[in-house]
Every structure is written in C-alpha cells, then in structure tokens.
C-alpha cells in the first residue's frame, strides 16, 4: 500500500488553475490537460460527448473508450467492473477527459448531473486506498460560461 501512496498524483499539482472536483474545465485547455495527465503517467481516455443524449449513450461511449468486452452491459455496474478489472492486477492511474460536455447537459440536464454524480462516486470508490484499484480522475470539458 505504501508504493501506491507514493505513486498518487494530485491533478492540481500537474494542471495549473484546476478547480475543485468535479473538474469542469474550458474546452480550450483540452490539449494541455491531456498532455499534463499523460506526462504524469495517467492512461487518458478521451470521450467526445457531443452526440450523447442519455446516460446509456455515455456509458456506451465510456465502454468503447475502455475497450470493454463484447458482453459489456452499458450500465453503471458494468462500467465499475471494467474499471476494477483494469486495476485488479496493478493499481491503475486513469483519467477520463469528457469533451463537449455541455451537449449532453443541454440535451438532458438530469441525466448529465446524475452521470457526474455517479462518475464521481466511481472515481472515489476506485481511488479508495482500502480498495486498492488505483486512481481515477474525471475531467468535464466544454465552453463553460453563462448558460
């Protein structure tokens, strides 16, 4: 467990001006965010939410980004299982960078907010030192501003 603690990366130390979690970042910083996360050793999965209109569509997109097996059920338990399997042998250091987040928000505010909540719960659960799966960070990119 000590090695795992030493390997922990605080995103705020590698990405300047990072807000508090959940990380809502301007779309214009996508390249910087991805570059800094990769330089810090994160396995970055970029997911474009521009055509996502439901939780199921987002879960499908996340499954595709993670190369989920063909039997992936596109539900929250299935996503949790895929993430846990990836961290079962060696603790993972993974980041989801979700671009065009406002498209999903505009199409389905309830589904978007619920997804943010459930993804944050998955990130905390995955990153729980007692569980030992590793570290999962999530970044929501969009042209955030007055909506």
C-alpha atoms as a PDB file:
ATOM      1  CA  UNK A   1       0.000   0.000   0.000  1.00  0.00           C
ATOM      2  CA  UNK A   2       2.944   2.347   0.636  1.00  0.00           C
ATOM      3  CA  UNK A   3       4.057   2.150  -3.022  1.00  0.00           C
ATOM      4  CA  UNK A   4       0.529   3.041  -4.065  1.00  0.00           C
ATOM      5  CA  UNK A   5       0.525   6.124  -1.830  1.00  0.00           C
ATOM      6  CA  UNK A   6       3.874   7.227  -3.214  1.00  0.00           C
ATOM      7  CA  UNK A   7       2.526   6.850  -6.766  1.00  0.00           C
ATOM      8  CA  UNK A   8      -0.549   9.021  -6.088  1.00  0.00           C
ATOM      9  CA  UNK A   9      -0.702  12.124  -8.287  1.00  0.00           C
ATOM     10  CA  UNK A  10      -2.630  15.214  -7.252  1.00  0.00           C
ATOM     11  CA  UNK A  11      -4.090  16.602 -10.514  1.00  0.00           C
ATOM     12  CA  UNK A  12      -3.853  20.141  -9.087  1.00  0.00           C
ATOM     13  CA  UNK A  13      -0.075  19.730  -8.943  1.00  0.00           C
ATOM     14  CA  UNK A  14       0.210  18.921 -12.663  1.00  0.00           C
ATOM     15  CA  UNK A  15      -2.560  21.106 -14.156  1.00  0.00           C
ATOM     16  CA  UNK A  16      -2.398  24.791 -13.302  1.00  0.00           C
ATOM     17  CA  UNK A  17      -5.576  26.575 -12.258  1.00  0.00           C
ATOM     18  CA  UNK A  18      -7.542  23.373 -11.727  1.00  0.00           C
ATOM     19  CA  UNK A  19     -10.885  23.979  -9.954  1.00  0.00           C
ATOM     20  CA  UNK A  20     -12.166  21.828  -7.118  1.00  0.00           C
ATOM     21  CA  UNK A  21     -13.785  18.497  -8.017  1.00  0.00           C
ATOM     22  CA  UNK A  22     -15.676  17.793 -10.110  1.00  0.00           C
ATOM     23  CA  UNK A  23     -13.223  19.194 -12.633  1.00  0.00           C
ATOM     24  CA  UNK A  24     -15.146  21.428 -15.066  1.00  0.00           C
ATOM     25  CA  UNK A  25     -12.553  22.888 -17.441  1.00  0.00           C
ATOM     26  CA  UNK A  26     -12.789  25.053 -20.550  1.00  0.00           C
ATOM     27  CA  UNK A  27     -12.629  23.058 -23.795  1.00  0.00           C
ATOM     28  CA  UNK A  28      -9.747  25.222 -24.999  1.00  0.00           C
ATOM     29  CA  UNK A  29      -7.495  23.564 -22.416  1.00  0.00           C
ATOM     30  CA  UNK A  30      -8.073  20.011 -23.744  1.00  0.00           C
ATOM     31  CA  UNK A  31      -4.605  19.527 -25.243  1.00  0.00           C
ATOM     32  CA  UNK A  32      -2.911  20.927 -22.132  1.00  0.00           C
ATOM     33  CA  UNK A  33      -4.977  18.740 -19.803  1.00  0.00           C
ATOM     34  CA  UNK A  34      -4.360  15.568 -21.823  1.00  0.00           C
ATOM     35  CA  UNK A  35      -0.635  16.323 -22.193  1.00  0.00           C
ATOM     36  CA  UNK A  36      -0.116  17.047 -18.485  1.00  0.00           C
ATOM     37  CA  UNK A  37      -2.086  13.976 -17.416  1.00  0.00           C
ATOM     38  CA  UNK A  38      -0.115  11.734 -19.784  1.00  0.00           C
ATOM     39  CA  UNK A  39       3.170  13.278 -18.582  1.00  0.00           C
ATOM     40  CA  UNK A  40       2.107  12.440 -15.014  1.00  0.00           C
ATOM     41  CA  UNK A  41       1.599   8.792 -16.001  1.00  0.00           C
ATOM     42  CA  UNK A  42      -2.169   8.707 -16.450  1.00  0.00           C
ATOM     43  CA  UNK A  43      -3.789   6.433 -19.002  1.00  0.00           C
ATOM     44  CA  UNK A  44      -6.094   9.038 -20.587  1.00  0.00           C
ATOM     45  CA  UNK A  45      -9.373   8.004 -22.196  1.00  0.00           C
ATOM     46  CA  UNK A  46     -10.852  10.842 -24.210  1.00  0.00           C
ATOM     47  CA  UNK A  47     -14.591  10.687 -24.820  1.00  0.00           C
ATOM     48  CA  UNK A  48     -16.497  13.132 -27.032  1.00  0.00           C
ATOM     49  CA  UNK A  49     -19.949  13.786 -25.578  1.00  0.00           C
ATOM     50  CA  UNK A  50     -21.139  15.989 -28.463  1.00  0.00           C
ATOM     51  CA  UNK A  51     -23.680  13.370 -29.596  1.00  0.00           C
ATOM     52  CA  UNK A  52     -24.504  11.906 -26.189  1.00  0.00           C
ATOM     53  CA  UNK A  53     -28.100  12.477 -25.079  1.00  0.00           C
ATOM     54  CA  UNK A  54     -28.565   9.878 -22.326  1.00  0.00           C
ATOM     55  CA  UNK A  55     -26.725   8.044 -19.573  1.00  0.00           C
ATOM     56  CA  UNK A  56     -26.812   4.875 -21.659  1.00  0.00           C
ATOM     57  CA  UNK A  57     -25.172   6.631 -24.611  1.00  0.00           C
ATOM     58  CA  UNK A  58     -22.485   7.993 -22.298  1.00  0.00           C
ATOM     59  CA  UNK A  59     -21.898   4.550 -20.794  1.00  0.00           C
ATOM     60  CA  UNK A  60     -21.571   3.093 -24.294  1.00  0.00           C
ATOM     61  CA  UNK A  61     -19.026   5.791 -25.177  1.00  0.00           C
ATOM     62  CA  UNK A  62     -17.050   5.135 -21.990  1.00  0.00           C
ATOM     63  CA  UNK A  63     -17.127   1.381 -22.670  1.00  0.00           C
ATOM     64  CA  UNK A  64     -15.785   1.969 -26.186  1.00  0.00           C
ATOM     65  CA  UNK A  65     -13.010   4.201 -24.844  1.00  0.00           C
ATOM     66  CA  UNK A  66     -12.044   1.486 -22.369  1.00  0.00           C
ATOM     67  CA  UNK A  67     -12.233  -1.289 -24.992  1.00  0.00           C
ATOM     68  CA  UNK A  68     -14.831  -3.044 -22.856  1.00  0.00           C
ATOM     69  CA  UNK A  69     -15.532  -6.677 -23.727  1.00  0.00           C
ATOM     70  CA  UNK A  70     -18.387  -7.518 -26.107  1.00  0.00           C
ATOM     71  CA  UNK A  71     -20.612  -8.540 -23.184  1.00  0.00           C
ATOM     72  CA  UNK A  72     -20.311  -5.049 -21.599  1.00  0.00           C
ATOM     73  CA  UNK A  73     -23.807  -4.117 -20.436  1.00  0.00           C
ATOM     74  CA  UNK A  74     -23.575  -0.315 -20.733  1.00  0.00           C
ATOM     75  CA  UNK A  75     -24.776   0.240 -17.173  1.00  0.00           C
ATOM     76  CA  UNK A  76     -23.069   1.618 -14.079  1.00  0.00           C
ATOM     77  CA  UNK A  77     -22.238  -1.816 -12.631  1.00  0.00           C
ATOM     78  CA  UNK A  78     -20.674  -2.905 -15.923  1.00  0.00           C
ATOM     79  CA  UNK A  79     -18.540   0.254 -16.069  1.00  0.00           C
ATOM     80  CA  UNK A  80     -17.419  -0.316 -12.482  1.00  0.00           C
ATOM     81  CA  UNK A  81     -16.476  -3.900 -13.365  1.00  0.00           C
ATOM     82  CA  UNK A  82     -14.400  -2.821 -16.379  1.00  0.00           C
ATOM     83  CA  UNK A  83     -12.541  -0.211 -14.314  1.00  0.00           C
ATOM     84  CA  UNK A  84     -11.956  -2.660 -11.457  1.00  0.00           C
ATOM     85  CA  UNK A  85     -10.678  -5.344 -13.812  1.00  0.00           C
ATOM     86  CA  UNK A  86      -8.168  -2.872 -15.216  1.00  0.00           C
ATOM     87  CA  UNK A  87      -6.903  -2.099 -11.711  1.00  0.00           C
ATOM     88  CA  UNK A  88      -7.088  -5.616 -10.265  1.00  0.00           C
ATOM     89  CA  UNK A  89      -3.543  -6.712 -11.137  1.00  0.00           C
ATOM     90  CA  UNK A  90      -1.691  -3.416 -10.982  1.00  0.00           C
ATOM     91  CA  UNK A  91      -3.175  -0.261  -9.479  1.00  0.00           C
ATOM     92  CA  UNK A  92      -4.256   1.967 -12.335  1.00  0.00           C
ATOM     93  CA  UNK A  93      -3.758   5.653 -12.904  1.00  0.00           C
ATOM     94  CA  UNK A  94      -6.588   6.536 -15.269  1.00  0.00           C
ATOM     95  CA  UNK A  95      -8.327   9.737 -16.360  1.00  0.00           C
ATOM     96  CA  UNK A  96     -11.494  10.275 -18.350  1.00  0.00           C
ATOM     97  CA  UNK A  97     -11.422  13.517 -20.343  1.00  0.00           C
ATOM     98  CA  UNK A  98     -15.001  14.147 -21.445  1.00  0.00           C
ATOM     99  CA  UNK A  99     -15.166  16.826 -24.125  1.00  0.00           C
ATOM    100  CA  UNK A 100     -18.226  18.724 -25.376  1.00  0.00           C
ATOM    101  CA  UNK A 101     -19.913  18.070 -22.035  1.00  0.00           C
ATOM    102  CA  UNK A 102     -22.482  20.832 -22.495  1.00  0.00           C
ATOM    103  CA  UNK A 103     -24.046  18.973 -25.429  1.00  0.00           C
ATOM    104  CA  UNK A 104     -25.121  16.216 -23.027  1.00  0.00           C
ATOM    105  CA  UNK A 105     -26.089  18.775 -20.382  1.00  0.00           C
ATOM    106  CA  UNK A 106     -28.212  20.768 -22.849  1.00  0.00           C
ATOM    107  CA  UNK A 107     -29.957  17.639 -24.144  1.00  0.00           C
ATOM    108  CA  UNK A 108     -30.592  16.046 -20.762  1.00  0.00           C
ATOM    109  CA  UNK A 109     -29.635  18.093 -17.676  1.00  0.00           C
ATOM    110  CA  UNK A 110     -30.919  15.469 -15.239  1.00  0.00           C
ATOM    111  CA  UNK A 111     -29.024  12.653 -16.975  1.00  0.00           C
ATOM    112  CA  UNK A 112     -25.868  14.751 -17.131  1.00  0.00           C
ATOM    113  CA  UNK A 113     -25.960  15.733 -13.461  1.00  0.00           C
ATOM    114  CA  UNK A 114     -26.768  12.167 -12.405  1.00  0.00           C
ATOM    115  CA  UNK A 115     -23.854  10.924 -14.545  1.00  0.00           C
ATOM    116  CA  UNK A 116     -21.457  13.444 -12.979  1.00  0.00           C
ATOM    117  CA  UNK A 117     -22.539  12.264  -9.533  1.00  0.00           C
ATOM    118  CA  UNK A 118     -22.198   8.567 -10.360  1.00  0.00           C
ATOM    119  CA  UNK A 119     -18.847   9.016 -12.125  1.00  0.00           C
ATOM    120  CA  UNK A 120     -17.507  10.945  -9.139  1.00  0.00           C
ATOM    121  CA  UNK A 121     -18.680   8.139  -6.860  1.00  0.00           C
ATOM    122  CA  UNK A 122     -16.904   5.612  -9.118  1.00  0.00           C
ATOM    123  CA  UNK A 123     -13.740   7.720  -9.047  1.00  0.00           C
ATOM    124  CA  UNK A 124     -13.787   7.927  -5.247  1.00  0.00           C
ATOM    125  CA  UNK A 125     -14.549   4.227  -4.894  1.00  0.00           C
ATOM    126  CA  UNK A 126     -11.794   3.279  -7.355  1.00  0.00           C
ATOM    127  CA  UNK A 127      -9.329   5.608  -5.677  1.00  0.00           C
ATOM    128  CA  UNK A 128     -10.154   4.426  -2.140  1.00  0.00           C
ATOM    129  CA  UNK A 129      -6.897   3.221  -0.632  1.00  0.00           C
ATOM    130  CA  UNK A 130      -8.710   0.348   1.074  1.00  0.00           C
ATOM    131  CA  UNK A 131      -9.951  -0.949  -2.286  1.00  0.00           C
ATOM    132  CA  UNK A 132      -6.540  -0.741  -3.960  1.00  0.00           C
ATOM    133  CA  UNK A 133      -7.675  -0.397  -7.606  1.00  0.00           C
ATOM    134  CA  UNK A 134      -5.679   2.743  -8.218  1.00  0.00           C
ATOM    135  CA  UNK A 135      -6.559   6.290  -9.138  1.00  0.00           C
ATOM    136  CA  UNK A 136      -9.361   7.518 -11.385  1.00  0.00           C
ATOM    137  CA  UNK A 137      -9.813  11.193 -12.217  1.00  0.00           C
ATOM    138  CA  UNK A 138     -12.573  12.704 -14.373  1.00  0.00           C
ATOM    139  CA  UNK A 139     -12.488  15.964 -16.322  1.00  0.00           C
ATOM    140  CA  UNK A 140     -15.549  17.600 -17.933  1.00  0.00           C
ATOM    141  CA  UNK A 141     -14.517  19.873 -20.800  1.00  0.00           C
ATOM    142  CA  UNK A 142     -16.799  22.356 -22.520  1.00  0.00           C
ATOM    143  CA  UNK A 143     -17.143  26.028 -23.287  1.00  0.00           C
ATOM    144  CA  UNK A 144     -18.421  26.631 -19.778  1.00  0.00           C
ATOM    145  CA  UNK A 145     -19.856  30.047 -19.149  1.00  0.00           C
ATOM    146  CA  UNK A 146     -23.229  31.649 -18.769  1.00  0.00           C
ATOM    147  CA  UNK A 147     -25.799  29.032 -19.736  1.00  0.00           C
END
